[in-house]
Structure formats: C-alpha cells, structure tokens
C-alpha atoms as a PDB file:
ATOM      1  CA  MET A   1      24.268  -3.135   5.269  1.00  0.00           C
ATOM      2  CA  PRO A   2      21.585  -2.106   7.670  1.00  0.00           C
ATOM      3  CA  GLY A   3      17.907  -1.912   6.076  1.00  0.00           C
ATOM      4  CA  LEU A   4      14.470  -3.043   5.408  1.00  0.00           C
ATOM      5  CA  HIS A   5      15.198  -6.162   2.908  1.00  0.00           C
ATOM      6  CA  HIS A   6      11.066  -7.017   2.030  1.00  0.00           C
ATOM      7  CA  LEU A   7       8.071  -7.035   3.913  1.00  0.00           C
ATOM      8  CA  ASP A   8       5.342  -9.815   3.622  1.00  0.00           C
ATOM      9  CA  VAL A   9       1.577  -8.832   3.283  1.00  0.00           C
ATOM     10  CA  TRP A  10      -0.836 -11.808   3.771  1.00  0.00           C
ATOM     11  CA  ILE A  11      -3.909 -11.324   2.499  1.00  0.00           C
ATOM     12  CA  SER A  12      -6.997 -13.870   3.068  1.00  0.00           C
ATOM     13  CA  HIS A  13      -7.920 -14.662  -0.334  1.00  0.00           C
ATOM     14  CA  PRO A  14      -6.989 -14.231  -4.338  1.00  0.00           C
ATOM     15  CA  ASP A  15      -9.362 -11.535  -5.408  1.00  0.00           C
ATOM     16  CA  GLN A  16      -8.302  -9.012  -2.751  1.00  0.00           C
ATOM     17  CA  LEU A  17      -4.595  -8.922  -4.936  1.00  0.00           C
ATOM     18  CA  SER A  18      -5.887  -6.773  -7.496  1.00  0.00           C
ATOM     19  CA  THR A  19      -6.402  -3.610  -5.151  1.00  0.00           C
ATOM     20  CA  TRP A  20      -2.272  -3.789  -4.601  1.00  0.00           C
ATOM     21  CA  THR A  21      -1.514  -4.844  -8.038  1.00  0.00           C
ATOM     22  CA  TRP A  22      -3.087  -0.817  -9.431  1.00  0.00           C
ATOM     23  CA  LEU A  23      -0.981   0.532  -5.917  1.00  0.00           C
ATOM     24  CA  PHE A  24       1.899  -0.630  -6.971  1.00  0.00           C
ATOM     25  CA  GLU A  25       1.765   0.332 -10.129  1.00  0.00           C
ATOM     26  CA  ARG A  26       0.860   3.343  -9.919  1.00  0.00           C
ATOM     27  CA  LEU A  27       3.191   4.417  -7.458  1.00  0.00           C
ATOM     28  CA  GLY A  28       5.648   3.393 -10.080  1.00  0.00           C
ATOM     29  CA  TRP A  29       6.794  -0.716  -8.553  1.00  0.00           C
ATOM     30  CA  THR A  30       7.758  -3.295 -10.695  1.00  0.00           C
ATOM     31  CA  MET A  31       5.965  -6.728 -10.437  1.00  0.00           C
ATOM     32  CA  ASP A  32       9.304  -8.750 -10.097  1.00  0.00           C
ATOM     33  CA  ALA A  33       7.523 -12.391  -9.783  1.00  0.00           C
ATOM     34  CA  THR A  34       4.032 -13.411  -9.903  1.00  0.00           C
ATOM     35  CA  TRP A  35       2.080 -16.899  -8.882  1.00  0.00           C
ATOM     36  CA  PRO A  36      -1.857 -17.859  -8.155  1.00  0.00           C
ATOM     37  CA  GLY A  37      -2.197 -16.081  -5.598  1.00  0.00           C
ATOM     38  CA  GLY A  38       0.557 -13.577  -5.206  1.00  0.00           C
ATOM     39  CA  ALA A  39       2.986 -11.667  -6.357  1.00  0.00           C
ATOM     40  CA  THR A  40       6.082  -9.839  -5.604  1.00  0.00           C
ATOM     41  CA  TRP A  41       6.950  -5.830  -6.093  1.00  0.00           C
ATOM     42  CA  ALA A  42       9.571  -3.564  -6.009  1.00  0.00           C
ATOM     43  CA  PRO A  43      10.746   0.611  -6.597  1.00  0.00           C
ATOM     44  CA  ALA A  44      12.557   0.711 -10.073  1.00  0.00           C
ATOM     45  CA  PRO A  45      15.132  -0.166 -10.347  1.00  0.00           C
ATOM     46  CA  ALA A  46      14.120  -4.012  -8.955  1.00  0.00           C
ATOM     47  CA  GLY A  47      15.873  -4.889  -5.835  1.00  0.00           C
ATOM     48  CA  THR A  48      15.399  -4.422  -2.334  1.00  0.00           C
ATOM     49  CA  PRO A  49      13.626  -3.833  -0.045  1.00  0.00           C
ATOM     50  CA  TYR A  50      11.081  -5.327  -1.714  1.00  0.00           C
ATOM     51  CA  ILE A  51       7.116  -6.310  -0.880  1.00  0.00           C
ATOM     52  CA  THR A  52       5.168  -9.245  -1.467  1.00  0.00           C
ATOM     53  CA  VAL A  53       1.480  -9.448  -1.238  1.00  0.00           C
ATOM     54  CA  THR A  54       0.209 -12.913  -1.238  1.00  0.00           C
ATOM     55  CA  THR A  55      -1.916 -15.484   0.465  1.00  0.00           C
ATOM     56  CA  THR A  56      -1.416 -19.135   1.815  1.00  0.00           C
ATOM     57  CA  PRO A  57      -3.349 -22.353   2.918  1.00  0.00           C
ATOM     58  CA  THR A  58      -1.537 -21.371   6.167  1.00  0.00           C
ATOM     59  CA  VAL A  59      -3.521 -18.241   6.551  1.00  0.00           C
ATOM     60  CA  VAL A  60      -6.481 -17.768   9.065  1.00  0.00           C
ATOM     61  CA  ASP A  61      -8.859 -16.751   7.663  1.00  0.00           C
ATOM     62  CA  ALA A  62      -9.765 -13.758  10.425  1.00  0.00           C
ATOM     63  CA  ALA A  63     -10.314  -9.829   9.085  1.00  0.00           C
ATOM     64  CA  HIS A  64      -7.490  -8.053   8.982  1.00  0.00           C
ATOM     65  CA  ASP A  65      -7.866  -5.432  11.397  1.00  0.00           C
ATOM     66  CA  ARG A  66      -4.930  -2.680  11.594  1.00  0.00           C
ATOM     67  CA  ARG A  67      -5.269  -1.389  15.458  1.00  0.00           C
ATOM     68  CA  ARG A  68      -4.755  -4.810  16.812  1.00  0.00           C
ATOM     69  CA  PRO A  69      -1.115  -4.577  17.697  1.00  0.00           C
ATOM     70  CA  GLY A  70       0.713  -5.324  14.867  1.00  0.00           C
ATOM     71  CA  VAL A  71       1.792  -3.213  11.601  1.00  0.00           C
ATOM     72  CA  ASN A  72      -1.213  -0.088  11.652  1.00  0.00           C
ATOM     73  CA  HIS A  73      -0.296   0.824   7.870  1.00  0.00           C
ATOM     74  CA  LEU A  74       2.389   0.887   5.242  1.00  0.00           C
ATOM     75  CA  ALA A  75       3.786   4.303   3.977  1.00  0.00           C
ATOM     76  CA  PHE A  76       4.938   4.996   0.094  1.00  0.00           C
ATOM     77  CA  ASP A  77       6.735   8.491  -1.024  1.00  0.00           C
ATOM     78  CA  GLY A  78       4.223   9.233  -3.735  1.00  0.00           C
ATOM     79  CA  GLY A  79       6.883  11.668  -5.418  1.00  0.00           C
ATOM     80  CA  PRO A  80       5.479  15.526  -5.865  1.00  0.00           C
ATOM     81  CA  ARG A  81       2.736  16.656  -4.202  1.00  0.00           C
ATOM     82  CA  SER A  82       0.554  16.917  -7.826  1.00  0.00           C
ATOM     83  CA  SER A  83       1.654  13.093  -7.788  1.00  0.00           C
ATOM     84  CA  VAL A  84      -0.269  12.230  -4.241  1.00  0.00           C
ATOM     85  CA  ASP A  85      -3.202  14.121  -5.564  1.00  0.00           C
ATOM     86  CA  ALA A  86      -3.322  11.917  -8.588  1.00  0.00           C
ATOM     87  CA  VAL A  87      -3.179   8.848  -6.526  1.00  0.00           C
ATOM     88  CA  MET A  88      -6.119   9.984  -4.076  1.00  0.00           C
ATOM     89  CA  VAL A  89      -8.775  10.755  -7.367  1.00  0.00           C
ATOM     90  CA  ASP A  90      -7.570   7.775  -9.333  1.00  0.00           C
ATOM     91  CA  ALA A  91      -7.816   5.473  -5.705  1.00  0.00           C
ATOM     92  CA  PRO A  92     -11.586   4.783  -5.202  1.00  0.00           C
ATOM     93  CA  ALA A  93     -11.740   3.364  -8.817  1.00  0.00           C
ATOM     94  CA  HIS A  94      -9.592   0.887  -7.863  1.00  0.00           C
ATOM     95  CA  GLY A  95     -10.422  -0.632  -4.514  1.00  0.00           C
ATOM     96  CA  TRP A  96      -8.839   2.695  -2.193  1.00  0.00           C
ATOM     97  CA  THR A  97     -11.108   4.970   0.085  1.00  0.00           C
ATOM     98  CA  PRO A  98      -9.747   8.048   1.191  1.00  0.00           C
ATOM     99  CA  LEU A  99      -9.396   7.982   4.865  1.00  0.00           C
ATOM    100  CA  TYR A 100      -9.455  11.621   6.867  1.00  0.00           C
ATOM    101  CA  ALA A 101     -10.847  13.303   3.914  1.00  0.00           C
ATOM    102  CA  ASP A 102     -11.878  15.818   5.799  1.00  0.00           C
ATOM    103  CA  ARG A 103      -8.009  16.668   7.086  1.00  0.00           C
ATOM    104  CA  TYR A 104      -6.521  15.870   3.394  1.00  0.00           C
ATOM    105  CA  PRO A 105      -3.425  16.800   3.034  1.00  0.00           C
ATOM    106  CA  HIS A 106      -2.106  17.257   6.357  1.00  0.00           C
ATOM    107  CA  ALA A 107      -3.941  14.707   8.485  1.00  0.00           C
ATOM    108  CA  GLY A 108      -0.081  14.318   9.892  1.00  0.00           C
ATOM    109  CA  GLY A 109       0.033  17.754  10.555  1.00  0.00           C
ATOM    110  CA  PRO A 110       1.193  21.131   8.894  1.00  0.00           C
ATOM    111  CA  GLN A 111       4.256  20.438   7.059  1.00  0.00           C
ATOM    112  CA  HIS A 112       3.339  16.876   6.231  1.00  0.00           C
ATOM    113  CA  TYR A 113       1.460  16.348   3.135  1.00  0.00           C
ATOM    114  CA  ALA A 114       0.148  12.798   3.063  1.00  0.00           C
ATOM    115  CA  GLY A 115      -2.905  11.027   1.841  1.00  0.00           C
ATOM    116  CA  TRP A 116      -4.171   7.760   3.762  1.00  0.00           C
ATOM    117  CA  LEU A 117      -6.291   4.990   2.051  1.00  0.00           C
ATOM    118  CA  GLY A 118      -7.950   2.315   2.827  1.00  0.00           C
ATOM    119  CA  ASN A 119      -9.191  -1.261   1.349  1.00  0.00           C
ATOM    120  CA  ALA A 120     -12.164  -3.096   1.798  1.00  0.00           C
ATOM    121  CA  ASN A 121      -9.866  -5.794   3.540  1.00  0.00           C
ATOM    122  CA  GLY A 122      -8.966  -3.525   6.129  1.00  0.00           C
ATOM    123  CA  PHE A 123      -5.240  -2.550   5.087  1.00  0.00           C
ATOM    124  CA  LYS A 124      -4.367   1.071   5.075  1.00  0.00           C
ATOM    125  CA  VAL A 125      -1.639   2.978   3.259  1.00  0.00           C
ATOM    126  CA  GLU A 126      -0.126   6.746   3.367  1.00  0.00           C
ATOM    127  CA  ILE A 127       1.099   8.085   0.025  1.00  0.00           C
ATOM    128  CA  VAL A 128       3.927  10.391   1.307  1.00  0.00           C
ATOM    129  CA  ALA A 129       4.962  13.799  -1.077  1.00  0.00           C
ATOM    130  CA  GLU A 130       8.330  14.552  -0.682  1.00  0.00           C
ATOM    131  CA  ASP A 131       9.435  17.982   0.427  1.00  0.00           C
END
C-alpha cells in the first residue's frame, strides 16, 4: 500500500537527541528502539511510519540549514487546539523556540491552526491542530 514507511533525521552529535526525545514523547509517539546516539519513534500504536533520529560516523559535521534544498520541516498532528497550545508553552523549556510567534496560531493562514518550533541545531517542526 502506498505511504511513507520511515524517515531518518541525522544529527551531528548525540547530545542533540534530547530535544527530539521530548518532542516525540510530548506528541504521544512511542520509542521503539534506542542505541548510543539514536532512537526510533512511532505513533501509538507502534508501526509505520516511524522516525529515526541518529548520528553516525559518516555524518558530515556541518550545520543543518532548512533553507537549503532538501527537507524544510516535519509536520506533526498535534491533536486539539488546546494540545497544540500546551506544546507551544512547554517547548522552550525543552530546547525548542517558537517561530512566527507574532502570527501564532495562524502563521499558515486564517484556516490553519498550528505552531512552528525550531531547535538550536536548525531543525524546524510544525505542530498542526486537528480540524
């Protein structure tokens, strides 16, 4: 059946994993596997698609820049608007900075309720409220 099976996000250092761990747990994803420098999460119940965040000796030690060609950001279902609001409030204490705060929660347009977050390593995520 067509669909996304998994996604690998490569980070340059294992210490960058903690912001991702908080985010996935906060969004209700389940950690399926862990190893030094990486982990895999899947939405509950576990399965696909899953996302792996890891470092590897073959990673080029250069800063991630979402504005270069490639993936700009990951967008997650955030549940009801109140849950998206709660994530946005909690995120700064866990290494994520709110983006477009002056236009929150409608930076994507008047019909789109979402929050955008960036971490210190240049990654951006969007947390989208259910309709």
